[in-house]
Amino acid sequence: MGTTNLNIRTDKEIKEQAEVIFSELGLNMTTAINMFLRTAIRENGIPFSLKLDIPNALTRSAIDEGRRIAKDKRVEGFSNIEDLKKALEV
């Protein structure tokens, strides 16, 4: 199998941060990119999940609960950490 050059453009800081991580793993940039490409071929797609930043069911439930609590006049609120600690007996 012959080799070829692959030229890509990326942000300098991204490249430098990635090189630090790869180095800690004992890899260089070429090896890491080749691992990515081989994994993409093996998995027939991007080798990690691409997702929108949408909360999962548990997070959505927690957000909804927080909103219900915020609207509930029976739930005591605190405007400073000292009062909260006193209520929690901390």
PDB file of N, CA and C in Angstrom:
ATOM      1  N   MET A   1       0.849  -1.171   0.000  1.00  0.00           N
ATOM      2  CA  MET A   1       0.000   0.000   0.000  1.00  0.00           C
ATOM      3  C   MET A   1       0.898   1.239   0.000  1.00  0.00           C
ATOM      4  N   GLY A   2       0.719   2.130  -0.958  1.00  0.00           N
ATOM      5  CA  GLY A   2       1.494   3.358  -1.035  1.00  0.00           C
ATOM      6  C   GLY A   2       0.954   4.406  -0.078  1.00  0.00           C
ATOM      7  N   THR A   3       1.730   5.422   0.148  1.00  0.00           N
ATOM      8  CA  THR A   3       1.295   6.508   1.022  1.00  0.00           C
ATOM      9  C   THR A   3       1.088   7.766   0.202  1.00  0.00           C
ATOM     10  N   THR A   4       0.354   8.695   0.791  1.00  0.00           N
ATOM     11  CA  THR A   4       0.113   9.993   0.170  1.00  0.00           C
ATOM     12  C   THR A   4       0.098  11.042   1.266  1.00  0.00           C
ATOM     13  N   ASN A   5       0.273  12.281   0.892  1.00  0.00           N
ATOM     14  CA  ASN A   5       0.217  13.375   1.856  1.00  0.00           C
ATOM     15  C   ASN A   5      -1.213  13.876   1.991  1.00  0.00           C
ATOM     16  N   LEU A   6      -1.561  14.281   3.181  1.00  0.00           N
ATOM     17  CA  LEU A   6      -2.873  14.853   3.467  1.00  0.00           C
ATOM     18  C   LEU A   6      -2.634  16.210   4.117  1.00  0.00           C
ATOM     19  N   ASN A   7      -3.067  17.256   3.464  1.00  0.00           N
ATOM     20  CA  ASN A   7      -2.914  18.603   4.004  1.00  0.00           C
ATOM     21  C   ASN A   7      -4.253  19.078   4.537  1.00  0.00           C
ATOM     22  N   ILE A   8      -4.269  19.467   5.812  1.00  0.00           N
ATOM     23  CA  ILE A   8      -5.509  19.989   6.399  1.00  0.00           C
ATOM     24  C   ILE A   8      -5.225  21.319   7.068  1.00  0.00           C
ATOM     25  N   ARG A   9      -6.268  22.104   7.220  1.00  0.00           N
ATOM     26  CA  ARG A   9      -6.156  23.379   7.916  1.00  0.00           C
ATOM     27  C   ARG A   9      -6.910  23.254   9.234  1.00  0.00           C
ATOM     28  N   THR A  10      -6.277  23.747  10.296  1.00  0.00           N
ATOM     29  CA  THR A  10      -6.934  23.764  11.600  1.00  0.00           C
ATOM     30  C   THR A  10      -6.369  24.926  12.406  1.00  0.00           C
ATOM     31  N   ASP A  11      -7.058  25.308  13.420  1.00  0.00           N
ATOM     32  CA  ASP A  11      -6.619  26.376  14.303  1.00  0.00           C
ATOM     33  C   ASP A  11      -5.317  25.956  14.990  1.00  0.00           C
ATOM     34  N   LYS A  12      -4.379  26.875  15.096  1.00  0.00           N
ATOM     35  CA  LYS A  12      -3.072  26.566  15.684  1.00  0.00           C
ATOM     36  C   LYS A  12      -3.199  26.040  17.108  1.00  0.00           C
ATOM     37  N   GLU A  13      -4.042  26.667  17.907  1.00  0.00           N
ATOM     38  CA  GLU A  13      -4.208  26.232  19.304  1.00  0.00           C
ATOM     39  C   GLU A  13      -4.807  24.832  19.390  1.00  0.00           C
ATOM     40  N   ILE A  14      -5.740  24.519  18.504  1.00  0.00           N
ATOM     41  CA  ILE A  14      -6.343  23.182  18.474  1.00  0.00           C
ATOM     42  C   ILE A  14      -5.260  22.147  18.180  1.00  0.00           C
ATOM     43  N   LYS A  15      -4.433  22.433  17.186  1.00  0.00           N
ATOM     44  CA  LYS A  15      -3.354  21.510  16.821  1.00  0.00           C
ATOM     45  C   LYS A  15      -2.411  21.297  17.990  1.00  0.00           C
ATOM     46  N   GLU A  16      -2.025  22.389  18.645  1.00  0.00           N
ATOM     47  CA  GLU A  16      -1.084  22.287  19.757  1.00  0.00           C
ATOM     48  C   GLU A  16      -1.683  21.504  20.934  1.00  0.00           C
ATOM     49  N   GLN A  17      -2.943  21.753  21.246  1.00  0.00           N
ATOM     50  CA  GLN A  17      -3.594  21.026  22.338  1.00  0.00           C
ATOM     51  C   GLN A  17      -3.707  19.540  22.011  1.00  0.00           C
ATOM     52  N   ALA A  18      -4.042  19.242  20.771  1.00  0.00           N
ATOM     53  CA  ALA A  18      -4.152  17.841  20.352  1.00  0.00           C
ATOM     54  C   ALA A  18      -2.782  17.156  20.414  1.00  0.00           C
ATOM     55  N   GLU A  19      -1.738  17.851  19.995  1.00  0.00           N
ATOM     56  CA  GLU A  19      -0.393  17.269  20.029  1.00  0.00           C
ATOM     57  C   GLU A  19       0.015  16.912  21.456  1.00  0.00           C
ATOM     58  N   VAL A  20      -0.348  17.739  22.422  1.00  0.00           N
ATOM     59  CA  VAL A  20      -0.024  17.450  23.825  1.00  0.00           C
ATOM     60  C   VAL A  20      -0.714  16.153  24.258  1.00  0.00           C
ATOM     61  N   ILE A  21      -1.994  16.038  23.939  1.00  0.00           N
ATOM     62  CA  ILE A  21      -2.752  14.831  24.304  1.00  0.00           C
ATOM     63  C   ILE A  21      -2.175  13.606  23.613  1.00  0.00           C
ATOM     64  N   PHE A  22      -1.946  13.708  22.316  1.00  0.00           N
ATOM     65  CA  PHE A  22      -1.406  12.573  21.564  1.00  0.00           C
ATOM     66  C   PHE A  22      -0.035  12.166  22.100  1.00  0.00           C
ATOM     67  N   SER A  23       0.780  13.137  22.431  1.00  0.00           N
ATOM     68  CA  SER A  23       2.107  12.850  22.969  1.00  0.00           C
ATOM     69  C   SER A  23       1.996  12.075  24.282  1.00  0.00           C
ATOM     70  N   GLU A  24       1.069  12.491  25.142  1.00  0.00           N
ATOM     71  CA  GLU A  24       0.864  11.790  26.412  1.00  0.00           C
ATOM     72  C   GLU A  24       0.408  10.353  26.176  1.00  0.00           C
ATOM     73  N   LEU A  25      -0.247  10.114  25.039  1.00  0.00           N
ATOM     74  CA  LEU A  25      -0.692   8.766  24.676  1.00  0.00           C
ATOM     75  C   LEU A  25       0.374   7.994  23.912  1.00  0.00           C
ATOM     76  N   GLY A  26       1.531   8.639  23.678  1.00  0.00           N
ATOM     77  CA  GLY A  26       2.601   7.986  22.940  1.00  0.00           C
ATOM     78  C   GLY A  26       2.390   8.012  21.435  1.00  0.00           C
ATOM     79  N   LEU A  27       1.586   8.959  20.956  1.00  0.00           N
ATOM     80  CA  LEU A  27       1.273   9.058  19.531  1.00  0.00           C
ATOM     81  C   LEU A  27       1.772  10.380  18.970  1.00  0.00           C
ATOM     82  N   ASN A  28       2.004  10.393  17.668  1.00  0.00           N
ATOM     83  CA  ASN A  28       2.227  11.666  17.001  1.00  0.00           C
ATOM     84  C   ASN A  28       0.958  12.000  16.200  1.00  0.00           C
ATOM     85  N   MET A  29       0.932  13.178  15.604  1.00  0.00           N
ATOM     86  CA  MET A  29      -0.256  13.629  14.884  1.00  0.00           C
ATOM     87  C   MET A  29      -0.594  12.684  13.727  1.00  0.00           C
ATOM     88  N   THR A  30       0.402  12.249  12.982  1.00  0.00           N
ATOM     89  CA  THR A  30       0.165  11.362  11.840  1.00  0.00           C
ATOM     90  C   THR A  30      -0.504  10.068  12.283  1.00  0.00           C
ATOM     91  N   THR A  31       0.016   9.462  13.345  1.00  0.00           N
ATOM     92  CA  THR A  31      -0.556   8.212  13.842  1.00  0.00           C
ATOM     93  C   THR A  31      -1.987   8.424  14.325  1.00  0.00           C
ATOM     94  N   ALA A  32      -2.218   9.509  15.043  1.00  0.00           N
ATOM     95  CA  ALA A  32      -3.566   9.789  15.559  1.00  0.00           C
ATOM     96  C   ALA A  32      -4.557   9.995  14.414  1.00  0.00           C
ATOM     97  N   ILE A  33      -4.175  10.746  13.403  1.00  0.00           N
ATOM     98  CA  ILE A  33      -5.065  10.976  12.255  1.00  0.00           C
ATOM     99  C   ILE A  33      -5.318   9.664  11.516  1.00  0.00           C
ATOM    100  N   ASN A  34      -4.279   8.860  11.346  1.00  0.00           N
ATOM    101  CA  ASN A  34      -4.471   7.560  10.695  1.00  0.00           C
ATOM    102  C   ASN A  34      -5.399   6.652  11.503  1.00  0.00           C
ATOM    103  N   MET A  35      -5.293   6.703  12.825  1.00  0.00           N
ATOM    104  CA  MET A  35      -6.205   5.919  13.666  1.00  0.00           C
ATOM    105  C   MET A  35      -7.648   6.371  13.441  1.00  0.00           C
ATOM    106  N   PHE A  36      -7.844   7.682  13.384  1.00  0.00           N
ATOM    107  CA  PHE A  36      -9.176   8.220  13.135  1.00  0.00           C
ATOM    108  C   PHE A  36      -9.710   7.728  11.788  1.00  0.00           C
ATOM    109  N   LEU A  37      -8.901   7.844  10.737  1.00  0.00           N
ATOM    110  CA  LEU A  37      -9.339   7.447   9.397  1.00  0.00           C
ATOM    111  C   LEU A  37      -9.643   5.952   9.320  1.00  0.00           C
ATOM    112  N   ARG A  38      -8.791   5.130   9.908  1.00  0.00           N
ATOM    113  CA  ARG A  38      -9.023   3.679   9.886  1.00  0.00           C
ATOM    114  C   ARG A  38     -10.292   3.310  10.667  1.00  0.00           C
ATOM    115  N   THR A  39     -10.514   3.986  11.797  1.00  0.00           N
ATOM    116  CA  THR A  39     -11.724   3.720  12.576  1.00  0.00           C
ATOM    117  C   THR A  39     -12.962   4.162  11.810  1.00  0.00           C
ATOM    118  N   ALA A  40     -12.891   5.288  11.117  1.00  0.00           N
ATOM    119  CA  ALA A  40     -14.022   5.750  10.293  1.00  0.00           C
ATOM    120  C   ALA A  40     -14.346   4.723   9.213  1.00  0.00           C
ATOM    121  N   ILE A  41     -13.313   4.155   8.613  1.00  0.00           N
ATOM    122  CA  ILE A  41     -13.525   3.122   7.579  1.00  0.00           C
ATOM    123  C   ILE A  41     -14.147   1.880   8.202  1.00  0.00           C
ATOM    124  N   ARG A  42     -13.583   1.436   9.325  1.00  0.00           N
ATOM    125  CA  ARG A  42     -14.084   0.223   9.973  1.00  0.00           C
ATOM    126  C   ARG A  42     -15.544   0.374  10.407  1.00  0.00           C
ATOM    127  N   GLU A  43     -15.904   1.568  10.930  1.00  0.00           N
ATOM    128  CA  GLU A  43     -17.256   1.790  11.430  1.00  0.00           C
ATOM    129  C   GLU A  43     -18.194   2.352  10.353  1.00  0.00           C
ATOM    130  N   ASN A  44     -17.624   2.589   9.178  1.00  0.00           N
ATOM    131  CA  ASN A  44     -18.401   3.117   8.059  1.00  0.00           C
ATOM    132  C   ASN A  44     -19.078   4.444   8.415  1.00  0.00           C
ATOM    133  N   GLY A  45     -18.341   5.308   9.095  1.00  0.00           N
ATOM    134  CA  GLY A  45     -18.865   6.615   9.477  1.00  0.00           C
ATOM    135  C   GLY A  45     -17.948   7.287  10.480  1.00  0.00           C
ATOM    136  N   ILE A  46     -18.366   8.422  10.951  1.00  0.00           N
ATOM    137  CA  ILE A  46     -17.605   9.140  11.976  1.00  0.00           C
ATOM    138  C   ILE A  46     -17.546   8.251  13.220  1.00  0.00           C
ATOM    139  N   PRO A  47     -16.360   8.026  13.788  1.00  0.00           N
ATOM    140  CA  PRO A  47     -16.236   7.063  14.880  1.00  0.00           C
ATOM    141  C   PRO A  47     -16.614   7.594  16.267  1.00  0.00           C
ATOM    142  N   PHE A  48     -17.461   8.579  16.311  1.00  0.00           N
ATOM    143  CA  PHE A  48     -18.009   9.055  17.574  1.00  0.00           C
ATOM    144  C   PHE A  48     -19.361   9.664  17.279  1.00  0.00           C
ATOM    145  N   SER A  49     -20.141   9.795  18.312  1.00  0.00           N
ATOM    146  CA  SER A  49     -21.504  10.268  18.145  1.00  0.00           C
ATOM    147  C   SER A  49     -21.529  11.783  17.919  1.00  0.00           C
ATOM    148  N   LEU A  50     -22.264  12.215  16.930  1.00  0.00           N
ATOM    149  CA  LEU A  50     -22.470  13.641  16.681  1.00  0.00           C
ATOM    150  C   LEU A  50     -23.841  14.001  17.228  1.00  0.00           C
ATOM    151  N   LYS A  51     -23.869  14.928  18.169  1.00  0.00           N
ATOM    152  CA  LYS A  51     -25.126  15.250  18.831  1.00  0.00           C
ATOM    153  C   LYS A  51     -25.320  16.753  18.927  1.00  0.00           C
ATOM    154  N   LEU A  52     -26.572  17.153  18.923  1.00  0.00           N
ATOM    155  CA  LEU A  52     -26.905  18.529  19.237  1.00  0.00           C
ATOM    156  C   LEU A  52     -26.902  18.656  20.755  1.00  0.00           C
ATOM    157  N   ASP A  53     -26.684  19.858  21.239  1.00  0.00           N
ATOM    158  CA  ASP A  53     -26.633  20.083  22.682  1.00  0.00           C
ATOM    159  C   ASP A  53     -28.051  20.152  23.243  1.00  0.00           C
ATOM    160  N   ILE A  54     -28.701  18.993  23.292  1.00  0.00           N
ATOM    161  CA  ILE A  54     -30.071  18.899  23.794  1.00  0.00           C
ATOM    162  C   ILE A  54     -30.030  18.066  25.064  1.00  0.00           C
ATOM    163  N   PRO A  55     -30.633  18.548  26.144  1.00  0.00           N
ATOM    164  CA  PRO A  55     -30.572  17.792  27.398  1.00  0.00           C
ATOM    165  C   PRO A  55     -31.211  16.407  27.265  1.00  0.00           C
ATOM    166  N   ASN A  56     -30.608  15.427  27.948  1.00  0.00           N
ATOM    167  CA  ASN A  56     -31.201  14.093  27.958  1.00  0.00           C
ATOM    168  C   ASN A  56     -32.423  14.094  28.883  1.00  0.00           C
ATOM    169  N   ALA A  57     -33.111  12.983  28.978  1.00  0.00           N
ATOM    170  CA  ALA A  57     -34.361  12.907  29.750  1.00  0.00           C
ATOM    171  C   ALA A  57     -34.149  13.265  31.215  1.00  0.00           C
ATOM    172  N   LEU A  58     -33.058  12.780  31.817  1.00  0.00           N
ATOM    173  CA  LEU A  58     -32.802  13.058  33.229  1.00  0.00           C
ATOM    174  C   LEU A  58     -32.548  14.549  33.451  1.00  0.00           C
ATOM    175  N   THR A  59     -31.742  15.147  32.590  1.00  0.00           N
ATOM    176  CA  THR A  59     -31.459  16.577  32.716  1.00  0.00           C
ATOM    177  C   THR A  59     -32.722  17.398  32.484  1.00  0.00           C
ATOM    178  N   ARG A  60     -33.509  17.022  31.475  1.00  0.00           N
ATOM    179  CA  ARG A  60     -34.759  17.724  31.194  1.00  0.00           C
ATOM    180  C   ARG A  60     -35.681  17.648  32.408  1.00  0.00           C
ATOM    181  N   SER A  61     -35.760  16.487  33.047  1.00  0.00           N
ATOM    182  CA  SER A  61     -36.585  16.301  34.238  1.00  0.00           C
ATOM    183  C   SER A  61     -36.106  17.207  35.375  1.00  0.00           C
ATOM    184  N   ALA A  62     -34.786  17.294  35.563  1.00  0.00           N
ATOM    185  CA  ALA A  62     -34.228  18.151  36.611  1.00  0.00           C
ATOM    186  C   ALA A  62     -34.522  19.620  36.332  1.00  0.00           C
ATOM    187  N   ILE A  63     -34.432  20.031  35.088  1.00  0.00           N
ATOM    188  CA  ILE A  63     -34.753  21.414  34.715  1.00  0.00           C
ATOM    189  C   ILE A  63     -36.214  21.709  35.020  1.00  0.00           C
ATOM    190  N   ASP A  64     -37.093  20.793  34.628  1.00  0.00           N
ATOM    191  CA  ASP A  64     -38.527  20.978  34.889  1.00  0.00           C
ATOM    192  C   ASP A  64     -38.811  21.046  36.382  1.00  0.00           C
ATOM    193  N   GLU A  65     -38.151  20.170  37.164  1.00  0.00           N
ATOM    194  CA  GLU A  65     -38.340  20.176  38.617  1.00  0.00           C
ATOM    195  C   GLU A  65     -37.866  21.504  39.210  1.00  0.00           C
ATOM    196  N   GLY A  66     -36.739  21.992  38.758  1.00  0.00           N
ATOM    197  CA  GLY A  66     -36.226  23.273  39.235  1.00  0.00           C
ATOM    198  C   GLY A  66     -37.184  24.411  38.940  1.00  0.00           C
ATOM    199  N   ARG A  67     -37.784  24.392  37.768  1.00  0.00           N
ATOM    200  CA  ARG A  67     -38.754  25.434  37.414  1.00  0.00           C
ATOM    201  C   ARG A  67     -40.000  25.347  38.289  1.00  0.00           C
ATOM    202  N   ARG A  68     -40.452  24.106  38.568  1.00  0.00           N
ATOM    203  CA  ARG A  68     -41.625  23.940  39.447  1.00  0.00           C
ATOM    204  C   ARG A  68     -41.310  24.463  40.850  1.00  0.00           C
ATOM    205  N   ILE A  69     -40.134  24.128  41.357  1.00  0.00           N
ATOM    206  CA  ILE A  69     -39.736  24.574  42.693  1.00  0.00           C
ATOM    207  C   ILE A  69     -39.637  26.096  42.737  1.00  0.00           C
ATOM    208  N   ALA A  70     -39.070  26.693  41.690  1.00  0.00           N
ATOM    209  CA  ALA A  70     -38.909  28.144  41.652  1.00  0.00           C
ATOM    210  C   ALA A  70     -40.247  28.871  41.706  1.00  0.00           C
ATOM    211  N   LYS A  71     -41.284  28.266  41.146  1.00  0.00           N
ATOM    212  CA  LYS A  71     -42.612  28.889  41.121  1.00  0.00           C
ATOM    213  C   LYS A  71     -43.426  28.597  42.382  1.00  0.00           C
ATOM    214  N   ASP A  72     -43.020  27.592  43.148  1.00  0.00           N
ATOM    215  CA  ASP A  72     -43.780  27.148  44.319  1.00  0.00           C
ATOM    216  C   ASP A  72     -43.495  28.077  45.500  1.00  0.00           C
ATOM    217  N   LYS A  73     -44.487  28.841  45.908  1.00  0.00           N
ATOM    218  CA  LYS A  73     -44.335  29.811  46.998  1.00  0.00           C
ATOM    219  C   LYS A  73     -44.104  29.129  48.341  1.00  0.00           C
ATOM    220  N   ARG A  74     -44.414  27.837  48.447  1.00  0.00           N
ATOM    221  CA  ARG A  74     -44.232  27.114  49.706  1.00  0.00           C
ATOM    222  C   ARG A  74     -42.780  26.704  49.937  1.00  0.00           C
ATOM    223  N   VAL A  75     -41.967  26.757  48.883  1.00  0.00           N
ATOM    224  CA  VAL A  75     -40.561  26.349  48.995  1.00  0.00           C
ATOM    225  C   VAL A  75     -39.734  27.555  49.431  1.00  0.00           C
ATOM    226  N   GLU A  76     -39.014  27.374  50.548  1.00  0.00           N
ATOM    227  CA  GLU A  76     -38.192  28.457  51.076  1.00  0.00           C
ATOM    228  C   GLU A  76     -36.977  28.679  50.187  1.00  0.00           C
ATOM    229  N   GLY A  77     -36.683  29.918  49.896  1.00  0.00           N
ATOM    230  CA  GLY A  77     -35.509  30.267  49.099  1.00  0.00           C
ATOM    231  C   GLY A  77     -34.512  31.036  49.937  1.00  0.00           C
ATOM    232  N   PHE A  78     -33.305  31.150  49.469  1.00  0.00           N
ATOM    233  CA  PHE A  78     -32.252  31.843  50.201  1.00  0.00           C
ATOM    234  C   PHE A  78     -31.557  32.819  49.271  1.00  0.00           C
ATOM    235  N   SER A  79     -31.241  33.990  49.790  1.00  0.00           N
ATOM    236  CA  SER A  79     -30.586  35.002  48.965  1.00  0.00           C
ATOM    237  C   SER A  79     -29.098  35.092  49.250  1.00  0.00           C
ATOM    238  N   ASN A  80     -28.623  34.330  50.256  1.00  0.00           N
ATOM    239  CA  ASN A  80     -27.192  34.316  50.532  1.00  0.00           C
ATOM    240  C   ASN A  80     -26.787  32.963  51.109  1.00  0.00           C
ATOM    241  N   ILE A  81     -25.514  32.662  51.001  1.00  0.00           N
ATOM    242  CA  ILE A  81     -24.998  31.353  51.391  1.00  0.00           C
ATOM    243  C   ILE A  81     -25.075  31.130  52.896  1.00  0.00           C
ATOM    244  N   GLU A  82     -24.936  32.200  53.666  1.00  0.00           N
ATOM    245  CA  GLU A  82     -24.972  32.053  55.123  1.00  0.00           C
ATOM    246  C   GLU A  82     -26.333  31.538  55.583  1.00  0.00           C
ATOM    247  N   ASP A  83     -27.416  32.098  55.050  1.00  0.00           N
ATOM    248  CA  ASP A  83     -28.755  31.635  55.422  1.00  0.00           C
ATOM    249  C   ASP A  83     -28.993  30.191  54.980  1.00  0.00           C
ATOM    250  N   LEU A  84     -28.489  29.842  53.801  1.00  0.00           N
ATOM    251  CA  LEU A  84     -28.628  28.469  53.324  1.00  0.00           C
ATOM    252  C   LEU A  84     -27.889  27.500  54.237  1.00  0.00           C
ATOM    253  N   LYS A  85     -26.657  27.846  54.632  1.00  0.00           N
ATOM    254  CA  LYS A  85     -25.886  26.978  55.525  1.00  0.00           C
ATOM    255  C   LYS A  85     -26.589  26.817  56.875  1.00  0.00           C
ATOM    256  N   LYS A  86     -27.165  27.910  57.371  1.00  0.00           N
ATOM    257  CA  LYS A  86     -27.873  27.850  58.643  1.00  0.00           C
ATOM    258  C   LYS A  86     -29.068  26.911  58.521  1.00  0.00           C
ATOM    259  N   ALA A  87     -29.807  26.996  57.444  1.00  0.00           N
ATOM    260  CA  ALA A  87     -30.971  26.125  57.230  1.00  0.00           C
ATOM    261  C   ALA A  87     -30.544  24.670  57.082  1.00  0.00           C
ATOM    262  N   LEU A  88     -29.379  24.439  56.475  1.00  0.00           N
ATOM    263  CA  LEU A  88     -28.889  23.079  56.298  1.00  0.00           C
ATOM    264  C   LEU A  88     -28.126  22.568  57.511  1.00  0.00           C
ATOM    265  N   GLU A  89     -27.941  23.461  58.488  1.00  0.00           N
ATOM    266  CA  GLU A  89     -27.184  23.156  59.703  1.00  0.00           C
ATOM    267  C   GLU A  89     -25.760  22.716  59.392  1.00  0.00           C
ATOM    268  N   VAL A  90     -25.151  23.465  58.488  1.00  0.00           N
ATOM    269  CA  VAL A  90     -23.766  23.177  58.078  1.00  0.00           C
ATOM    270  C   VAL A  90     -22.822  24.165  58.711  1.00  0.00           C
TER     271      VAL A  90
END
